Amino acid sequence: MAAEKTHGRERWLNVFSETELPVLGGVIQELETVTGKNNSTAMQLADVILKDPSLTSRVLKVANCVIYNPTINNPITTISRAVVQLGLAGVKSIYTSVVLIDKLLSNQSPPYLLDGIVHAINAAVQSRNLMQKVSGKVNEEVFIAALLYRLGELAFWCFGGEQAVQLGIALEDEVSPDKLIERELGTNFHALSSGLAERWELGSVLKEALNKPNASDPAVKCVQFADRLCELQRQAPDSQALDKLIKDIADFCKADSKEIKELIEQGSAEANSELKAFGVDQLHERAKQAQLKKESSSALKPNPQFQLNMLRDLDVLVKDKCDINTLFHTVAEGIHLGVGLERVAILLCDANRSKVQAKHALGKGTETWRKQLLIPITNDQPGAFQQCAVKRQHTIIGEEPDSASFNELEQQILGNPLAQAAPIIANKRLIGLIYADRAGRESLTEEQRSAFCYIVQQANASLEQLIRNR
């Protein structure tokens, strides 16, 4: 007996809500919360991205494509530096794109889905350039809105199952595709996109772009122009309709058509660069491996090349007289992804040097550490952190009979993992501690111990140099 077909807008929205795609809505809301604050910092955005190490390398790959980092000889090798160099808006746009593509590829990669991804990236880049032309500013919400403008269509081709397969075959010879889609789905792609934007709270610009065809808001118009532009470039590249659209865009931007054509060509080149960085030519192979990746161990492993890149970044940051928070966050990133330790915290001393509190924390389950991880280090309250602070040396915790042990407070917050800690010292003064563990009872390898110690040593030297340069 054939499976019952899904039919109607609400039923399709329910199907999509049972996939991995709703995560995208959560990511966008979290990014909006972080970047929407007046006092938001680059490191807060970096923390959000570093929650998922599997996406970090892809964010960095895109950040190093020529439109973001034209200096080929000085590659961006850590998220911390990417945020500092590209700004909150630039990295937010890149990360949203990476998450979208990752979730879409978790299932399969039919041709219509790949075409849709190409369209989405092209439209996002064109909308960003148009908005900058109109306002003189980069607006990442415009980029994201154009990227997600056809999310309903992308979701269908990814998660529509057998109905998507059959519709894809039928569309090959169909002269009235919109009517066929409406008949088979009981709705249309635009309605699905609008429903997802509302249900998952994907931003006001996207919702207005989808629901207000005659909107006057420049940001909304840029999204609508960019989507229509990319559609005509693909379907009717030599048509009068495209010429008229370019003239309309020129009038909107208060520029001549020649100037807009040059801007569009520039956008197409930039989009191609981004698509290459995203690895669109390798999407099929990556989709086949998606299930294998899910089944493989998620444990981090040492990455000597990442360690080396991070140490080079430290040199650059010190020469550029970066702020201390950026330095510490870069160190934490190097220990987390370079040494391969699941949970990392940078704890700084209070004014009396009687307590240390986490100021930077990376890894799954560390979200509350900045509030909770406040540990006394005075002699009357012994524990692993106190022992490391007093002895001022690398300290192994819980690994061997003579290792340091967590006290009750430390165990309440951290559990009882095998871990290590080391002091942050500058000009012979204790500044704080660096803590790292495997998030369980798995032993630290000798490689992880020595790499951790070396990075801490270099961090202390960089901190002293940074203080001297001020």
Protein backbone atom coordinates (compact mmCIF):
# COMPACT_ATOMS: atom_id res chain seq x y z
CA MET A 1 0.00 0.00 0.00
CA ALA A 2 1.42 3.37 -1.03
CA ALA A 3 2.21 5.86 1.70
CA GLU A 4 -0.26 8.71 2.06
CA LYS A 5 0.90 11.90 0.36
CA THR A 6 1.52 15.04 2.35
CA HIS A 7 -0.84 17.74 1.11
CA GLY A 8 -1.41 21.30 2.28
CA ARG A 9 0.69 24.07 3.79
CA GLU A 10 0.30 23.20 7.47
CA ARG A 11 1.02 19.53 6.94
CA TRP A 12 4.23 20.33 5.06
CA LEU A 13 5.29 22.78 7.78
CA ASN A 14 4.79 20.03 10.34
CA VAL A 15 6.94 17.67 8.26
CA PHE A 16 9.76 20.21 8.11
CA SER A 17 9.49 20.90 11.85
CA GLU A 18 10.35 17.25 12.53
CA THR A 19 13.67 17.55 10.65
CA GLU A 20 16.97 19.17 11.63
CA LEU A 21 16.02 22.47 9.99
CA PRO A 22 14.36 24.10 13.06
CA VAL A 23 17.88 24.27 14.51
CA LEU A 24 18.47 27.04 11.97
CA GLY A 25 15.79 29.16 13.60
CA GLY A 26 17.41 28.67 16.99
CA VAL A 27 20.82 29.62 15.60
CA ILE A 28 19.48 32.82 14.03
CA GLN A 29 17.70 33.82 17.23
CA GLU A 30 20.83 33.15 19.28
CA LEU A 31 22.99 35.17 16.87
CA GLU A 32 20.44 37.97 16.95
CA THR A 33 20.49 37.98 20.76
CA VAL A 34 24.29 38.16 20.85
CA THR A 35 24.81 40.73 18.08
CA GLY A 36 21.76 42.81 18.97
CA LYS A 37 23.13 43.92 22.32
CA ASN A 38 24.78 47.29 22.52
CA ASN A 39 27.59 45.81 24.59
CA SER A 40 27.97 42.60 22.62
CA THR A 41 31.54 41.52 22.01
CA ALA A 42 33.34 39.67 19.29
CA MET A 43 34.11 36.89 21.73
CA GLN A 44 30.43 36.29 22.52
CA LEU A 45 29.78 35.60 18.83
CA ALA A 46 32.86 33.38 18.65
CA ASP A 47 31.52 31.39 21.61
CA VAL A 48 28.28 30.66 19.73
CA ILE A 49 30.15 29.40 16.66
CA LEU A 50 32.63 27.30 18.62
CA LYS A 51 29.79 25.29 20.19
CA ASP A 52 29.92 23.18 17.02
CA PRO A 53 33.56 22.33 16.19
CA SER A 54 32.49 20.43 13.07
CA LEU A 55 31.37 23.69 11.43
CA THR A 56 34.32 25.80 12.57
CA SER A 57 36.71 24.78 9.80
CA ARG A 58 34.08 25.55 7.15
CA VAL A 59 33.42 28.99 8.62
CA LEU A 60 37.17 29.67 8.47
CA LYS A 61 37.39 28.40 4.89
CA VAL A 62 34.71 30.86 3.77
CA ALA A 63 36.26 33.65 5.86
CA ASN A 64 39.47 33.14 3.89
CA CYS A 65 37.92 33.41 0.44
CA VAL A 66 39.10 36.46 -1.44
CA ILE A 67 36.04 38.66 -0.84
CA TYR A 68 36.50 38.49 2.94
CA ASN A 69 40.26 38.15 3.23
CA PRO A 70 42.12 39.41 0.16
CA THR A 71 45.46 39.04 1.99
CA ILE A 72 46.37 35.52 0.90
CA ASN A 73 49.67 35.57 2.81
CA ASN A 74 47.94 36.26 6.13
CA PRO A 75 45.14 33.66 6.43
CA ILE A 76 42.51 33.78 9.17
CA THR A 77 43.06 30.64 11.23
CA THR A 78 40.88 31.08 14.33
CA ILE A 79 37.27 32.16 14.85
CA SER A 80 38.41 34.79 17.33
CA ARG A 81 40.50 36.54 14.70
CA ALA A 82 37.78 36.12 12.06
CA VAL A 83 35.33 38.05 14.24
CA VAL A 84 37.88 40.77 14.96
CA GLN A 85 38.91 41.12 11.29
CA LEU A 86 35.55 40.68 9.53
CA GLY A 87 33.29 42.13 12.21
CA LEU A 88 30.17 40.74 13.85
CA ALA A 89 28.03 41.18 10.72
CA GLY A 90 30.43 39.40 8.37
CA VAL A 91 30.93 36.33 10.54
CA LYS A 92 27.22 36.17 11.40
CA SER A 93 26.38 35.97 7.68
CA ILE A 94 29.01 33.31 7.02
CA TYR A 95 27.94 31.16 9.95
CA THR A 96 24.24 31.31 9.01
CA SER A 97 25.13 30.17 5.47
CA VAL A 98 27.27 27.32 6.77
CA VAL A 99 24.55 26.11 9.16
CA LEU A 100 21.90 26.26 6.42
CA ILE A 101 23.97 24.21 3.99
CA ASP A 102 24.95 21.75 6.71
CA LYS A 103 21.34 21.07 7.68
CA LEU A 104 20.20 20.74 4.08
CA LEU A 105 22.98 18.27 3.33
CA SER A 106 22.16 16.08 6.31
CA ASN A 107 19.68 14.20 4.13
CA GLN A 108 20.43 14.13 0.39
CA SER A 109 21.50 16.35 -2.50
CA PRO A 110 19.09 16.13 -5.45
CA PRO A 111 19.77 18.49 -8.38
CA TYR A 112 16.92 20.86 -7.51
CA LEU A 113 18.32 21.25 -3.99
CA LEU A 114 21.80 22.05 -5.30
CA ASP A 115 20.34 24.58 -7.72
CA GLY A 116 18.43 26.12 -4.84
CA ILE A 117 21.53 26.46 -2.70
CA VAL A 118 23.39 28.16 -5.56
CA HIS A 119 20.44 30.54 -6.01
CA ALA A 120 20.31 31.31 -2.27
CA ILE A 121 24.01 32.20 -2.03
CA ASN A 122 23.85 34.31 -5.20
CA ALA A 123 20.78 36.20 -3.99
CA ALA A 124 22.31 36.77 -0.56
CA VAL A 125 25.48 38.29 -2.02
CA GLN A 126 23.58 40.44 -4.53
CA SER A 127 21.23 41.75 -1.82
CA ARG A 128 24.16 42.63 0.43
CA ASN A 129 25.82 44.58 -2.37
CA LEU A 130 22.60 46.39 -3.31
CA MET A 131 21.98 47.38 0.30
CA GLN A 132 25.51 48.71 0.61
CA LYS A 133 25.01 50.68 -2.62
CA VAL A 134 21.78 52.21 -1.31
CA SER A 135 22.75 52.90 2.29
CA GLY A 136 26.54 52.86 2.32
CA LYS A 137 26.40 50.21 5.06
CA VAL A 138 26.61 46.42 5.22
CA ASN A 139 23.41 44.91 6.62
CA GLU A 140 23.80 41.25 7.51
CA GLU A 141 20.03 40.82 8.05
CA VAL A 142 19.52 41.56 4.35
CA PHE A 143 22.06 38.88 3.43
CA ILE A 144 20.37 36.35 5.73
CA ALA A 145 16.85 37.24 4.54
CA ALA A 146 17.81 36.71 0.88
CA LEU A 147 19.61 33.50 1.82
CA LEU A 148 16.43 32.12 3.41
CA TYR A 149 13.92 33.67 0.98
CA ARG A 150 13.29 30.28 -0.67
CA LEU A 151 13.70 28.15 2.43
CA GLY A 152 10.38 26.39 1.82
CA GLU A 153 11.56 25.20 -1.57
CA LEU A 154 14.92 24.07 -0.20
CA ALA A 155 13.21 22.24 2.67
CA PHE A 156 10.91 20.41 0.25
CA TRP A 157 13.70 19.20 -2.03
CA CYS A 158 15.68 18.07 1.00
CA PHE A 159 12.98 16.49 3.15
CA GLY A 160 10.11 15.84 0.72
CA GLY A 161 10.98 12.16 0.33
CA GLU A 162 9.41 10.24 -2.53
CA GLN A 163 7.11 13.15 -3.37
CA ALA A 164 10.16 15.31 -4.05
CA VAL A 165 11.69 12.63 -6.24
CA GLN A 166 8.52 12.22 -8.30
CA LEU A 167 7.92 15.96 -8.59
CA GLY A 168 11.49 16.48 -9.75
CA ILE A 169 10.95 13.97 -12.55
CA ALA A 170 7.60 15.51 -13.53
CA LEU A 171 9.03 19.05 -13.64
CA GLU A 172 11.59 18.11 -16.30
CA ASP A 173 8.97 18.24 -19.06
CA GLU A 174 6.42 20.56 -17.41
CA VAL A 175 5.52 23.83 -19.14
CA SER A 176 3.51 25.15 -16.15
CA PRO A 177 5.65 24.24 -13.13
CA ASP A 178 3.84 26.51 -10.65
CA LYS A 179 0.48 24.84 -11.33
CA LEU A 180 2.01 21.37 -11.05
CA ILE A 181 3.67 22.21 -7.72
CA GLU A 182 0.42 23.65 -6.34
CA ARG A 183 -1.50 20.57 -7.42
CA GLU A 184 0.97 18.04 -6.01
CA LEU A 185 1.77 19.79 -2.72
CA GLY A 186 -1.53 21.49 -1.98
CA THR A 187 0.41 24.73 -1.57
CA ASN A 188 3.30 26.60 -3.19
CA PHE A 189 6.94 27.11 -2.26
CA HIS A 190 6.47 30.79 -1.42
CA ALA A 191 3.73 29.96 1.09
CA LEU A 192 5.97 27.33 2.68
CA SER A 193 8.81 29.87 3.03
CA SER A 194 6.44 32.38 4.61
CA GLY A 195 5.13 29.77 7.02
CA LEU A 196 8.61 28.73 8.10
CA ALA A 197 9.68 32.36 8.58
CA GLU A 198 6.72 32.89 10.91
CA ARG A 199 6.93 29.57 12.73
CA TRP A 200 10.68 29.70 13.35
CA GLU A 201 10.97 33.49 13.87
CA LEU A 202 13.54 34.01 11.11
CA GLY A 203 13.63 37.80 11.24
CA SER A 204 11.47 40.79 10.37
CA VAL A 205 13.17 41.60 7.06
CA LEU A 206 12.56 38.09 5.71
CA LYS A 207 8.93 38.07 6.86
CA GLU A 208 8.23 41.44 5.23
CA ALA A 209 10.02 40.46 2.03
CA LEU A 210 7.84 37.36 1.73
CA ASN A 211 4.54 38.97 2.71
CA LYS A 212 4.72 42.55 1.39
CA PRO A 213 5.41 42.58 -2.37
CA ASN A 214 5.02 46.38 -2.52
CA ALA A 215 7.11 47.17 0.55
CA SER A 216 8.96 50.49 0.65
CA ASP A 217 11.62 49.48 3.21
CA PRO A 218 15.00 49.57 1.37
CA ALA A 219 16.21 46.41 3.10
CA VAL A 220 13.09 44.49 2.06
CA LYS A 221 13.29 45.77 -1.52
CA CYS A 222 16.93 44.71 -1.79
CA VAL A 223 15.97 41.16 -0.83
CA GLN A 224 13.11 41.06 -3.35
CA PHE A 225 15.20 42.60 -6.14
CA ALA A 226 18.07 40.18 -5.51
CA ASP A 227 15.85 37.10 -5.56
CA ARG A 228 14.13 38.14 -8.78
CA LEU A 229 17.47 39.07 -10.35
CA CYS A 230 18.98 35.65 -9.67
CA GLU A 231 15.88 33.92 -10.98
CA LEU A 232 15.99 35.81 -14.28
CA GLN A 233 19.76 35.36 -14.61
CA ARG A 234 19.20 31.61 -14.46
CA GLN A 235 16.01 31.28 -16.49
CA ALA A 236 16.08 34.19 -18.95
CA PRO A 237 19.57 35.74 -19.08
CA ASP A 238 18.96 37.64 -22.36
CA SER A 239 15.36 38.65 -21.77
CA GLN A 240 13.68 42.06 -21.76
CA ALA A 241 12.40 41.20 -18.31
CA LEU A 242 15.96 41.15 -16.99
CA ASP A 243 16.80 44.43 -18.71
CA LYS A 244 13.72 46.05 -17.16
CA LEU A 245 14.60 44.70 -13.72
CA ILE A 246 18.13 46.13 -13.95
CA LYS A 247 16.64 49.51 -14.88
CA ASP A 248 14.28 49.31 -11.89
CA ILE A 249 17.20 48.46 -9.61
CA ALA A 250 19.19 51.37 -11.06
CA ASP A 251 16.31 53.77 -10.35
CA PHE A 252 16.02 52.39 -6.82
CA CYS A 253 19.76 52.84 -6.21
CA LYS A 254 19.80 56.25 -7.98
CA ALA A 255 22.48 55.01 -10.35
CA ASP A 256 22.70 54.29 -14.08
CA SER A 257 22.13 50.84 -15.53
CA LYS A 258 25.77 50.40 -16.52
CA GLU A 259 26.88 50.94 -12.95
CA ILE A 260 24.32 48.42 -11.68
CA LYS A 261 25.39 45.85 -14.28
CA GLU A 262 28.97 46.18 -13.05
CA LEU A 263 27.77 45.78 -9.45
CA ILE A 264 25.83 42.63 -10.44
CA GLU A 265 28.88 41.18 -12.22
CA GLN A 266 30.95 41.88 -9.13
CA GLY A 267 28.32 40.15 -7.01
CA SER A 268 28.30 37.10 -9.28
CA ALA A 269 32.07 36.77 -8.97
CA GLU A 270 31.86 37.12 -5.18
CA ALA A 271 29.08 34.52 -5.00
CA ASN A 272 31.16 32.09 -7.07
CA SER A 273 34.03 32.58 -4.65
CA GLU A 274 31.77 31.85 -1.70
CA LEU A 275 30.23 28.81 -3.38
CA LYS A 276 33.68 27.40 -4.00
CA ALA A 277 34.59 28.03 -0.37
CA PHE A 278 31.40 26.25 0.72
CA GLY A 279 32.47 23.27 -1.39
CA VAL A 280 29.32 23.13 -3.52
CA ASP A 281 31.18 21.06 -6.09
CA GLN A 282 31.69 18.44 -3.39
CA LEU A 283 28.14 18.45 -2.00
CA HIS A 284 27.17 15.06 -3.39
CA GLU A 285 30.13 13.32 -1.81
CA ARG A 286 29.63 15.07 1.50
CA ALA A 287 25.96 14.10 1.55
CA LYS A 288 26.88 10.43 1.09
CA GLN A 289 29.23 10.66 4.04
CA ALA A 290 26.78 12.50 6.32
CA GLN A 291 25.46 9.36 8.01
CA LEU A 292 28.95 7.98 8.51
CA LYS A 293 29.98 11.22 10.19
CA LYS A 294 27.02 11.05 12.56
CA GLU A 295 27.95 7.51 13.56
CA SER A 296 31.62 8.26 14.05
CA SER A 297 33.06 9.38 17.35
CA SER A 298 32.45 13.01 18.15
CA ALA A 299 35.51 13.24 20.40
CA LEU A 300 37.95 15.96 19.50
CA LYS A 301 41.44 14.92 18.43
CA PRO A 302 44.72 16.84 18.56
CA ASN A 303 45.32 19.02 15.52
CA PRO A 304 48.98 20.12 15.41
CA GLN A 305 48.40 22.37 12.38
CA PHE A 306 45.62 24.23 14.19
CA GLN A 307 47.94 24.66 17.18
CA LEU A 308 50.61 26.14 14.94
CA ASN A 309 48.13 28.48 13.26
CA MET A 310 46.85 29.63 16.65
CA LEU A 311 50.37 30.39 17.87
CA ARG A 312 50.97 32.45 14.71
CA ASP A 313 47.73 34.28 15.44
CA LEU A 314 49.01 35.10 18.91
CA ASP A 315 52.04 36.80 17.38
CA VAL A 316 49.83 38.84 15.06
CA LEU A 317 47.46 39.82 17.88
CA VAL A 318 50.32 40.97 20.10
CA LYS A 319 51.85 43.04 17.30
CA ASP A 320 48.42 44.59 16.67
CA LYS A 321 48.09 45.36 20.40
CA CYS A 322 44.83 43.47 20.70
CA ASP A 323 42.73 43.57 23.85
CA ILE A 324 43.43 40.92 26.50
CA ASN A 325 40.03 39.25 26.06
CA THR A 326 40.80 38.50 22.41
CA LEU A 327 44.16 37.04 23.42
CA PHE A 328 42.61 34.77 26.04
CA HIS A 329 39.79 33.66 23.76
CA THR A 330 42.27 32.75 21.03
CA VAL A 331 44.24 30.67 23.55
CA ALA A 332 41.07 28.88 24.65
CA GLU A 333 40.22 28.17 21.03
CA GLY A 334 43.69 26.72 20.41
CA ILE A 335 43.42 24.39 23.40
CA HIS A 336 39.87 23.33 22.53
CA LEU A 337 40.33 22.62 18.80
CA GLY A 338 44.12 22.34 18.56
CA VAL A 339 44.96 20.22 21.60
CA GLY A 340 41.62 18.42 21.30
CA LEU A 341 40.17 18.99 24.77
CA GLU A 342 36.38 19.01 25.00
CA ARG A 343 35.96 21.66 27.71
CA VAL A 344 38.20 24.67 28.27
CA ALA A 345 37.98 27.64 30.62
CA ILE A 346 40.08 30.73 31.21
CA LEU A 347 39.63 31.83 34.83
CA LEU A 348 40.90 35.20 36.07
CA CYS A 349 41.72 36.25 39.63
CA ASP A 350 39.64 38.78 41.54
CA ALA A 351 41.27 41.93 42.92
CA ASN A 352 42.32 40.17 46.16
CA ARG A 353 43.53 37.05 44.36
CA SER A 354 41.33 35.01 46.65
CA LYS A 355 39.08 33.61 43.91
CA VAL A 356 39.16 32.79 40.22
CA GLN A 357 36.17 33.13 37.91
CA ALA A 358 35.65 31.81 34.39
CA LYS A 359 35.75 34.62 31.83
CA HIS A 360 35.99 32.43 28.72
CA ALA A 361 34.59 28.92 28.32
CA LEU A 362 34.39 26.68 25.26
CA GLY A 363 32.86 23.26 24.69
CA LYS A 364 29.59 21.48 25.12
CA GLY A 365 28.05 22.03 28.55
CA THR A 366 30.15 25.09 29.43
CA GLU A 367 27.40 27.64 28.75
CA THR A 368 26.83 28.35 32.47
CA TRP A 369 30.46 28.32 33.58
CA ARG A 370 30.95 32.08 33.35
CA LYS A 371 28.33 32.46 36.07
CA GLN A 372 28.89 29.29 38.07
CA LEU A 373 32.63 28.71 37.94
CA LEU A 374 33.72 31.01 40.79
CA ILE A 375 36.25 29.10 42.88
CA PRO A 376 38.15 30.15 46.05
CA ILE A 377 41.92 29.60 45.84
CA THR A 378 42.96 30.47 49.41
CA ASN A 379 44.79 27.92 51.58
CA ASP A 380 41.80 27.45 53.89
CA GLN A 381 39.72 26.05 50.98
CA PRO A 382 41.90 23.37 49.36
CA GLY A 383 41.03 21.92 45.99
CA ALA A 384 42.44 21.34 42.52
CA PHE A 385 42.27 25.01 41.51
CA GLN A 386 43.77 26.15 44.81
CA GLN A 387 46.65 23.70 44.45
CA CYS A 388 47.40 24.90 40.91
CA ALA A 389 47.29 28.55 42.01
CA VAL A 390 49.52 28.03 45.04
CA LYS A 391 52.11 25.82 43.34
CA ARG A 392 51.99 27.90 40.15
CA GLN A 393 52.67 24.88 37.97
CA HIS A 394 50.95 22.53 35.57
CA THR A 395 48.55 20.38 37.58
CA ILE A 396 47.03 17.04 36.63
CA ILE A 397 43.62 16.48 38.25
CA GLY A 398 42.21 13.05 39.14
CA GLU A 399 44.46 11.15 36.76
CA GLU A 400 46.96 9.50 39.14
CA PRO A 401 47.14 8.62 42.85
CA ASP A 402 49.21 11.69 43.67
CA SER A 403 47.23 14.03 41.37
CA ALA A 404 45.22 16.96 42.64
CA SER A 405 41.56 16.31 43.44
CA PHE A 406 38.45 18.42 42.98
CA ASN A 407 36.81 19.70 46.15
CA GLU A 408 33.04 19.47 46.61
CA LEU A 409 32.28 22.85 45.00
CA GLU A 410 34.43 22.07 41.97
CA GLN A 411 32.75 18.67 41.53
CA GLN A 412 29.28 20.23 41.70
CA ILE A 413 30.11 22.41 38.70
CA LEU A 414 32.56 20.29 36.69
CA GLY A 415 31.66 16.73 37.64
CA ASN A 416 34.70 14.54 38.20
CA PRO A 417 36.55 14.39 34.87
CA LEU A 418 40.22 13.72 34.31
CA ALA A 419 41.61 17.20 33.73
CA GLN A 420 44.56 19.55 33.81
CA ALA A 421 45.14 23.17 34.78
CA ALA A 422 47.98 25.67 34.60
CA PRO A 423 48.60 29.19 35.93
CA ILE A 424 48.45 32.37 33.89
CA ILE A 425 51.41 34.43 35.06
CA ALA A 426 52.65 37.82 33.89
CA ASN A 427 55.53 39.72 35.47
CA LYS A 428 55.63 37.09 38.22
CA ARG A 429 52.04 37.82 39.24
CA LEU A 430 49.24 35.26 39.17
CA ILE A 431 46.62 36.49 36.69
CA GLY A 432 44.43 33.39 36.62
CA LEU A 433 44.23 29.75 35.56
CA ILE A 434 43.62 27.81 32.38
CA TYR A 435 41.55 24.66 32.84
CA ALA A 436 40.80 21.87 30.34
CA ASP A 437 39.30 18.37 30.43
CA ARG A 438 37.96 15.55 28.25
CA ALA A 439 34.40 16.01 29.59
CA GLY A 440 34.57 12.51 31.09
CA ARG A 441 36.88 9.90 32.55
CA GLU A 442 38.95 9.41 29.39
CA SER A 443 42.65 9.87 30.12
CA LEU A 444 44.67 12.75 28.80
CA THR A 445 47.28 11.63 26.30
CA GLU A 446 50.89 12.60 26.70
CA GLU A 447 50.54 14.64 23.50
CA GLN A 448 47.63 16.58 25.01
CA ARG A 449 49.54 17.26 28.21
CA SER A 450 52.65 18.57 26.49
CA ALA A 451 50.70 20.60 23.89
CA PHE A 452 48.58 22.17 26.65
CA CYS A 453 51.69 23.14 28.61
CA TYR A 454 53.36 24.65 25.55
CA ILE A 455 50.33 26.74 24.62
CA VAL A 456 50.03 28.01 28.20
CA GLN A 457 53.72 28.92 28.15
CA GLN A 458 53.29 30.86 24.90
CA ALA A 459 50.13 32.49 26.21
CA ASN A 460 51.98 33.78 29.26
CA ALA A 461 54.80 35.12 27.09
CA SER A 462 52.30 36.82 24.77
CA LEU A 463 50.46 38.36 27.73
CA GLU A 464 53.69 39.81 29.13
CA GLN A 465 54.61 41.21 25.71
CA LEU A 466 51.14 42.72 25.33
CA ILE A 467 51.41 44.40 28.72
CA ARG A 468 54.86 45.80 27.85
CA ASN A 469 53.57 47.20 24.55
CA ARG A 470 50.88 49.25 26.22
